[in-house]
C-alpha atoms as a PDB file:
ATOM      1  CA  MET A   1       4.384  -4.287  34.316  1.00  0.00           C
ATOM      2  CA  LYS A   2       6.604  -1.259  33.742  1.00  0.00           C
ATOM      3  CA  ARG A   3       7.426  -2.641  30.291  1.00  0.00           C
ATOM      4  CA  PHE A   4       3.744  -2.823  29.362  1.00  0.00           C
ATOM      5  CA  LEU A   5       3.004   0.659  30.662  1.00  0.00           C
ATOM      6  CA  LEU A   6       5.806   2.034  28.521  1.00  0.00           C
ATOM      7  CA  ILE A   7       4.395   0.216  25.495  1.00  0.00           C
ATOM      8  CA  LEU A   8       0.963   1.740  26.170  1.00  0.00           C
ATOM      9  CA  ILE A   9       2.462   5.219  26.442  1.00  0.00           C
ATOM     10  CA  VAL A  10       4.313   4.656  23.148  1.00  0.00           C
ATOM     11  CA  ILE A  11       1.022   3.675  21.489  1.00  0.00           C
ATOM     12  CA  ILE A  12      -0.621   6.902  22.628  1.00  0.00           C
ATOM     13  CA  ILE A  13       2.360   9.000  21.509  1.00  0.00           C
ATOM     14  CA  THR A  14       2.506   7.344  18.082  1.00  0.00           C
ATOM     15  CA  LEU A  15      -1.241   7.632  17.552  1.00  0.00           C
ATOM     16  CA  SER A  16      -1.196  11.295  18.537  1.00  0.00           C
ATOM     17  CA  MET A  17       1.565  12.001  16.042  1.00  0.00           C
ATOM     18  CA  VAL A  18      -0.350  10.233  13.264  1.00  0.00           C
ATOM     19  CA  LEU A  19      -3.497  12.240  13.986  1.00  0.00           C
ATOM     20  CA  VAL A  20      -1.787  15.638  14.206  1.00  0.00           C
ATOM     21  CA  GLY A  21       1.006  14.957  11.727  1.00  0.00           C
ATOM     22  CA  VAL A  22      -0.908  16.240   8.717  1.00  0.00           C
ATOM     23  CA  GLY A  23      -1.731  19.507  10.450  1.00  0.00           C
ATOM     24  CA  CYS A  24       1.883  20.066  11.452  1.00  0.00           C
ATOM     25  CA  THR A  25       2.964  19.756   7.830  1.00  0.00           C
ATOM     26  CA  MET A  26       0.145  21.360   5.894  1.00  0.00           C
ATOM     27  CA  THR A  27      -1.242  24.200   8.019  1.00  0.00           C
ATOM     28  CA  ALA A  28       1.710  26.184   9.320  1.00  0.00           C
ATOM     29  CA  ALA A  29       0.546  29.288   7.473  1.00  0.00           C
ATOM     30  CA  ALA A  30      -3.222  28.995   7.754  1.00  0.00           C
ATOM     31  CA  GLN A  31      -3.337  27.591  11.311  1.00  0.00           C
ATOM     32  CA  PRO A  32      -7.006  26.512  11.240  1.00  0.00           C
ATOM     33  CA  THR A  33      -8.700  25.311  14.388  1.00  0.00           C
ATOM     34  CA  LYS A  34      -8.596  21.563  14.936  1.00  0.00           C
ATOM     35  CA  ALA A  35     -11.865  19.935  13.890  1.00  0.00           C
ATOM     36  CA  GLU A  36     -13.514  17.740  16.483  1.00  0.00           C
ATOM     37  CA  PHE A  37     -13.979  14.170  15.330  1.00  0.00           C
ATOM     38  CA  VAL A  38     -17.641  13.212  15.418  1.00  0.00           C
ATOM     39  CA  GLY A  39     -17.688  10.181  13.127  1.00  0.00           C
ATOM     40  CA  SER A  40     -20.452   7.614  13.107  1.00  0.00           C
ATOM     41  CA  ASP A  41     -21.308   4.514  15.027  1.00  0.00           C
ATOM     42  CA  PHE A  42     -19.438   1.327  14.161  1.00  0.00           C
ATOM     43  CA  GLU A  43     -19.384  -2.382  14.805  1.00  0.00           C
ATOM     44  CA  LEU A  44     -16.663  -5.049  14.792  1.00  0.00           C
ATOM     45  CA  SER A  45     -15.772  -8.447  16.196  1.00  0.00           C
ATOM     46  CA  LEU A  46     -12.607  -8.791  18.274  1.00  0.00           C
ATOM     47  CA  PRO A  47     -10.288 -11.816  18.003  1.00  0.00           C
ATOM     48  CA  GLU A  48     -10.982 -14.761  20.287  1.00  0.00           C
ATOM     49  CA  LYS A  49      -9.954 -14.144  23.916  1.00  0.00           C
ATOM     50  CA  TRP A  50      -9.831 -10.375  23.412  1.00  0.00           C
ATOM     51  CA  GLU A  51     -11.912  -7.973  25.451  1.00  0.00           C
ATOM     52  CA  GLY A  52     -12.731  -4.323  24.811  1.00  0.00           C
ATOM     53  CA  GLY A  53     -15.347  -1.662  24.344  1.00  0.00           C
ATOM     54  CA  ARG A  54     -16.186   1.846  23.211  1.00  0.00           C
ATOM     55  CA  LYS A  55     -14.980   4.711  25.362  1.00  0.00           C
ATOM     56  CA  ASP A  56     -18.318   4.874  27.193  1.00  0.00           C
ATOM     57  CA  GLU A  57     -18.204   1.106  27.844  1.00  0.00           C
ATOM     58  CA  LEU A  58     -14.730   0.876  29.352  1.00  0.00           C
ATOM     59  CA  ASP A  59     -15.612   1.370  33.034  1.00  0.00           C
ATOM     60  CA  PRO A  60     -16.094  -2.389  33.652  1.00  0.00           C
ATOM     61  CA  ILE A  61     -12.804  -3.150  31.869  1.00  0.00           C
ATOM     62  CA  ILE A  62     -10.959  -0.535  33.899  1.00  0.00           C
ATOM     63  CA  LYS A  63     -12.506  -1.997  37.056  1.00  0.00           C
ATOM     64  CA  ASN A  64     -11.446  -5.485  35.991  1.00  0.00           C
ATOM     65  CA  LEU A  65      -7.869  -4.316  35.414  1.00  0.00           C
ATOM     66  CA  LYS A  66      -7.793  -2.841  38.904  1.00  0.00           C
ATOM     67  CA  GLU A  67      -9.044  -6.122  40.353  1.00  0.00           C
ATOM     68  CA  MET A  68      -6.169  -7.861  38.538  1.00  0.00           C
ATOM     69  CA  ASP A  69      -3.753  -5.551  40.401  1.00  0.00           C
ATOM     70  CA  GLN A  70      -3.175  -3.673  37.145  1.00  0.00           C
ATOM     71  CA  GLU A  71      -3.878  -0.335  38.841  1.00  0.00           C
ATOM     72  CA  GLN A  72      -1.360   1.685  36.834  1.00  0.00           C
ATOM     73  CA  LEU A  73      -2.552   0.203  33.547  1.00  0.00           C
ATOM     74  CA  ALA A  74      -6.149   0.973  34.446  1.00  0.00           C
ATOM     75  CA  GLU A  75      -5.173   4.586  35.134  1.00  0.00           C
ATOM     76  CA  GLN A  76      -3.366   4.834  31.796  1.00  0.00           C
ATOM     77  CA  VAL A  77      -6.404   3.511  29.920  1.00  0.00           C
ATOM     78  CA  GLU A  78      -8.676   5.901  31.823  1.00  0.00           C
ATOM     79  CA  ALA A  79      -6.406   8.818  30.963  1.00  0.00           C
ATOM     80  CA  SER A  80      -6.474   7.917  27.265  1.00  0.00           C
ATOM     81  CA  LEU A  81     -10.252   7.973  26.905  1.00  0.00           C
ATOM     82  CA  SER A  82     -10.158  11.409  25.277  1.00  0.00           C
ATOM     83  CA  THR A  83      -7.964   9.957  22.509  1.00  0.00           C
ATOM     84  CA  PHE A  84      -9.543   6.553  21.918  1.00  0.00           C
ATOM     85  CA  LEU A  85     -13.004   5.771  20.548  1.00  0.00           C
ATOM     86  CA  PHE A  86     -12.433   2.110  21.394  1.00  0.00           C
ATOM     87  CA  TRP A  87      -9.834   0.182  23.379  1.00  0.00           C
ATOM     88  CA  GLY A  88      -9.252  -3.545  23.755  1.00  0.00           C
ATOM     89  CA  TYR A  89      -6.638  -6.042  24.881  1.00  0.00           C
ATOM     90  CA  ASP A  90      -5.667  -9.710  24.635  1.00  0.00           C
ATOM     91  CA  THR A  91      -6.836 -11.290  27.895  1.00  0.00           C
ATOM     92  CA  GLU A  92      -4.608 -14.326  27.370  1.00  0.00           C
ATOM     93  CA  THR A  93      -1.371 -12.336  27.270  1.00  0.00           C
ATOM     94  CA  ALA A  94      -2.652 -10.206  30.149  1.00  0.00           C
ATOM     95  CA  ASP A  95      -3.312 -13.292  32.270  1.00  0.00           C
ATOM     96  CA  SER A  96       0.142 -14.668  31.511  1.00  0.00           C
ATOM     97  CA  GLY A  97       1.762 -11.606  33.085  1.00  0.00           C
ATOM     98  CA  GLY A  98       3.769 -10.837  29.949  1.00  0.00           C
ATOM     99  CA  SER A  99       3.546  -7.982  27.491  1.00  0.00           C
ATOM    100  CA  VAL A 100      -0.076  -7.380  26.501  1.00  0.00           C
ATOM    101  CA  SER A 101      -1.307  -6.995  22.918  1.00  0.00           C
ATOM    102  CA  THR A 102      -3.749  -4.110  22.480  1.00  0.00           C
ATOM    103  CA  PHE A 103      -6.132  -2.572  19.952  1.00  0.00           C
ATOM    104  CA  ASN A 104      -7.565   0.922  19.680  1.00  0.00           C
ATOM    105  CA  ILE A 105      -9.647   3.066  17.370  1.00  0.00           C
ATOM    106  CA  ALA A 106      -9.265   6.818  16.982  1.00  0.00           C
ATOM    107  CA  GLY A 107     -10.653   9.362  14.545  1.00  0.00           C
ATOM    108  CA  ASP A 108      -9.616  12.526  12.747  1.00  0.00           C
ATOM    109  CA  SER A 109     -11.747  15.108  10.927  1.00  0.00           C
ATOM    110  CA  SER A 110      -9.047  17.726  10.458  1.00  0.00           C
ATOM    111  CA  ALA A 111      -7.856  16.762   6.961  1.00  0.00           C
ATOM    112  CA  ALA A 112     -10.913  16.020   4.834  1.00  0.00           C
ATOM    113  CA  PHE A 113      -9.253  17.738   1.860  1.00  0.00           C
ATOM    114  CA  LEU A 114      -6.575  15.022   1.654  1.00  0.00           C
ATOM    115  CA  SER A 115      -6.758  11.703  -0.139  1.00  0.00           C
ATOM    116  CA  LEU A 116      -6.040   8.500   1.758  1.00  0.00           C
ATOM    117  CA  ASP A 117      -2.604   8.282   0.118  1.00  0.00           C
ATOM    118  CA  GLU A 118      -1.738  11.874   1.044  1.00  0.00           C
ATOM    119  CA  TYR A 119      -2.949  11.518   4.617  1.00  0.00           C
ATOM    120  CA  THR A 120      -0.968   8.313   5.149  1.00  0.00           C
ATOM    121  CA  ASP A 121       2.245   9.642   3.614  1.00  0.00           C
ATOM    122  CA  LEU A 122       2.197  12.898   5.577  1.00  0.00           C
ATOM    123  CA  SER A 123       1.298  11.193   8.841  1.00  0.00           C
ATOM    124  CA  TYR A 124       4.177   8.719   8.836  1.00  0.00           C
ATOM    125  CA  LYS A 125       6.647  11.292   7.574  1.00  0.00           C
ATOM    126  CA  ASN A 126       5.967  13.311  10.725  1.00  0.00           C
ATOM    127  CA  VAL A 127       6.144  10.244  12.966  1.00  0.00           C
ATOM    128  CA  ALA A 128       9.512   9.217  11.508  1.00  0.00           C
ATOM    129  CA  GLU A 129      10.939  12.731  11.937  1.00  0.00           C
ATOM    130  CA  ALA A 130       9.725  12.961  15.547  1.00  0.00           C
ATOM    131  CA  TYR A 131      11.225   9.585  16.425  1.00  0.00           C
ATOM    132  CA  GLU A 132      14.559  10.499  14.857  1.00  0.00           C
ATOM    133  CA  LYS A 133      14.732  13.725  16.867  1.00  0.00           C
ATOM    134  CA  ALA A 134      13.960  11.801  20.063  1.00  0.00           C
ATOM    135  CA  GLY A 135      16.655   9.207  19.352  1.00  0.00           C
ATOM    136  CA  TYR A 136      14.157   6.370  18.902  1.00  0.00           C
ATOM    137  CA  THR A 137      13.848   3.994  15.947  1.00  0.00           C
ATOM    138  CA  PHE A 138      10.851   3.762  13.628  1.00  0.00           C
ATOM    139  CA  ASN A 139      10.884   1.418  10.652  1.00  0.00           C
ATOM    140  CA  ILE A 140       8.024   0.922   8.180  1.00  0.00           C
ATOM    141  CA  ILE A 141       7.982  -2.696   7.007  1.00  0.00           C
ATOM    142  CA  GLU A 142       4.937  -2.571   4.752  1.00  0.00           C
ATOM    143  CA  GLU A 143       2.750   0.275   3.484  1.00  0.00           C
ATOM    144  CA  ASP A 144      -0.076  -0.392   1.036  1.00  0.00           C
ATOM    145  CA  ILE A 145      -3.577   0.627   0.057  1.00  0.00           C
ATOM    146  CA  VAL A 146      -5.554  -2.620   0.062  1.00  0.00           C
ATOM    147  CA  PRO A 147      -9.195  -3.787  -0.039  1.00  0.00           C
ATOM    148  CA  ILE A 148     -10.272  -5.171   3.345  1.00  0.00           C
ATOM    149  CA  GLY A 149     -13.757  -6.209   4.399  1.00  0.00           C
ATOM    150  CA  ASN A 150     -16.321  -3.505   3.645  1.00  0.00           C
ATOM    151  CA  TYR A 151     -13.794  -1.063   2.167  1.00  0.00           C
ATOM    152  CA  GLU A 152     -12.076  -1.036  -1.208  1.00  0.00           C
ATOM    153  CA  GLU A 153      -9.277   1.232   0.037  1.00  0.00           C
ATOM    154  CA  VAL A 154      -7.676   0.752   3.437  1.00  0.00           C
ATOM    155  CA  GLY A 155      -4.267   2.186   4.238  1.00  0.00           C
ATOM    156  CA  ARG A 156      -2.471  -0.697   5.969  1.00  0.00           C
ATOM    157  CA  THR A 157       0.932   0.087   7.459  1.00  0.00           C
ATOM    158  CA  ILE A 158       3.033  -2.359   9.452  1.00  0.00           C
ATOM    159  CA  PHE A 159       5.953  -0.899  11.372  1.00  0.00           C
ATOM    160  CA  GLU A 160       8.380  -1.593  14.176  1.00  0.00           C
ATOM    161  CA  GLN A 161       9.543   0.873  16.764  1.00  0.00           C
ATOM    162  CA  THR A 162      11.998   0.889  19.644  1.00  0.00           C
ATOM    163  CA  VAL A 163      11.559   3.311  22.530  1.00  0.00           C
ATOM    164  CA  GLU A 164      13.752   3.065  25.630  1.00  0.00           C
ATOM    165  CA  SER A 165      14.827  -0.446  24.524  1.00  0.00           C
ATOM    166  CA  VAL A 166      11.203  -1.608  24.244  1.00  0.00           C
ATOM    167  CA  GLU A 167      10.531  -3.128  20.801  1.00  0.00           C
ATOM    168  CA  THR A 168       6.960  -3.267  19.524  1.00  0.00           C
ATOM    169  CA  LYS A 169       5.324  -3.972  16.209  1.00  0.00           C
ATOM    170  CA  MET A 170       2.115  -2.361  14.973  1.00  0.00           C
ATOM    171  CA  ALA A 171      -0.461  -2.925  12.275  1.00  0.00           C
ATOM    172  CA  GLN A 172      -2.257   0.342  11.610  1.00  0.00           C
ATOM    173  CA  TYR A 173      -5.285   0.604   9.342  1.00  0.00           C
ATOM    174  CA  ILE A 174      -6.558   3.965   8.066  1.00  0.00           C
ATOM    175  CA  ILE A 175      -9.986   4.284   6.453  1.00  0.00           C
ATOM    176  CA  LYS A 176     -11.405   7.442   4.905  1.00  0.00           C
ATOM    177  CA  ASN A 177     -15.177   7.730   5.168  1.00  0.00           C
ATOM    178  CA  GLY A 178     -16.593  11.005   3.888  1.00  0.00           C
ATOM    179  CA  SER A 179     -14.708  13.769   5.715  1.00  0.00           C
ATOM    180  CA  ASP A 180     -13.506  11.428   8.494  1.00  0.00           C
ATOM    181  CA  PHE A 181     -10.374   9.333   8.856  1.00  0.00           C
ATOM    182  CA  TRP A 182     -10.628   6.273  11.090  1.00  0.00           C
ATOM    183  CA  VAL A 183      -7.336   4.986  12.533  1.00  0.00           C
ATOM    184  CA  LEU A 184      -7.338   1.425  13.876  1.00  0.00           C
ATOM    185  CA  THR A 185      -4.172   0.130  15.552  1.00  0.00           C
ATOM    186  CA  PHE A 186      -3.074  -3.285  16.788  1.00  0.00           C
ATOM    187  CA  THR A 187       0.126  -3.431  18.848  1.00  0.00           C
ATOM    188  CA  ALA A 188       2.140  -6.394  20.107  1.00  0.00           C
ATOM    189  CA  VAL A 189       5.698  -7.219  21.057  1.00  0.00           C
ATOM    190  CA  VAL A 190       7.719  -8.403  18.058  1.00  0.00           C
ATOM    191  CA  GLU A 191       7.709 -12.055  19.172  1.00  0.00           C
ATOM    192  CA  GLN A 192       3.892 -12.146  19.387  1.00  0.00           C
ATOM    193  CA  PHE A 193       2.994 -10.016  16.378  1.00  0.00           C
ATOM    194  CA  ASP A 194       3.462 -12.409  13.442  1.00  0.00           C
ATOM    195  CA  GLN A 195       1.296 -15.151  14.911  1.00  0.00           C
ATOM    196  CA  ASP A 196      -1.488 -12.601  15.549  1.00  0.00           C
ATOM    197  CA  MET A 197      -1.364 -10.758  12.203  1.00  0.00           C
ATOM    198  CA  GLN A 198      -4.012 -12.901  10.538  1.00  0.00           C
ATOM    199  CA  ALA A 199      -6.401 -12.265  13.428  1.00  0.00           C
ATOM    200  CA  PHE A 200      -5.765  -8.506  13.082  1.00  0.00           C
ATOM    201  CA  ASP A 201      -6.758  -8.525   9.403  1.00  0.00           C
ATOM    202  CA  LYS A 202      -9.851 -10.616  10.165  1.00  0.00           C
ATOM    203  CA  THR A 203     -10.920  -8.104  12.803  1.00  0.00           C
ATOM    204  CA  ILE A 204     -10.658  -5.244  10.311  1.00  0.00           C
ATOM    205  CA  GLU A 205     -12.734  -7.318   7.861  1.00  0.00           C
ATOM    206  CA  THR A 206     -15.574  -7.187  10.405  1.00  0.00           C
ATOM    207  CA  PHE A 207     -15.274  -3.421  10.972  1.00  0.00           C
ATOM    208  CA  LYS A 208     -18.282  -1.541   9.636  1.00  0.00           C
ATOM    209  CA  ILE A 209     -19.060   2.163   9.899  1.00  0.00           C
ATOM    210  CA  ILE A 210     -22.775   2.683  10.406  1.00  0.00           C
ATOM    211  CA  GLU A 211     -24.029   5.851   8.740  1.00  0.00           C
END
């Protein structure tokens, strides 16, 4: 349980650094106010045996976690609602009592002037620097702009990280839509990740932003 909670905290930290990383690099002189992400509605289909919902639909999931004696996890998810637009988890790994694979969606409207390439490069540069300063490891395995589902250009980055001896692997997808960046992140322990990667890509193929 403690291992999973640490993984969840790492996800939130990493996501926060991706979302604010561009601002830290590009706006030291100008210091503009942070734009609130409004975005649009969206739809997607989760992998089989996964459960999740939008931030305003998570109360039943949080309640279910509490009923599973996952009180601390439920509190962590509840505390992250201001960051996530959507949160989901693999019910099968949760039921097994092991490390739980998760998925979240966040948004950023603070860097509309950047291209997808620029946003991705600056974001991960800041993440890598922050991890190095903290004494953690962060290793990008794959970083490409690829066509997936409804979008001709999706920034797909696969990376591993180790924080306090906890090793996790992430597939992060970044989509630029108008002035908004959508950041979609799957996380799993290294041993589980490779067998789930195909399901992650298929989920992103179903993701559709509704204008």
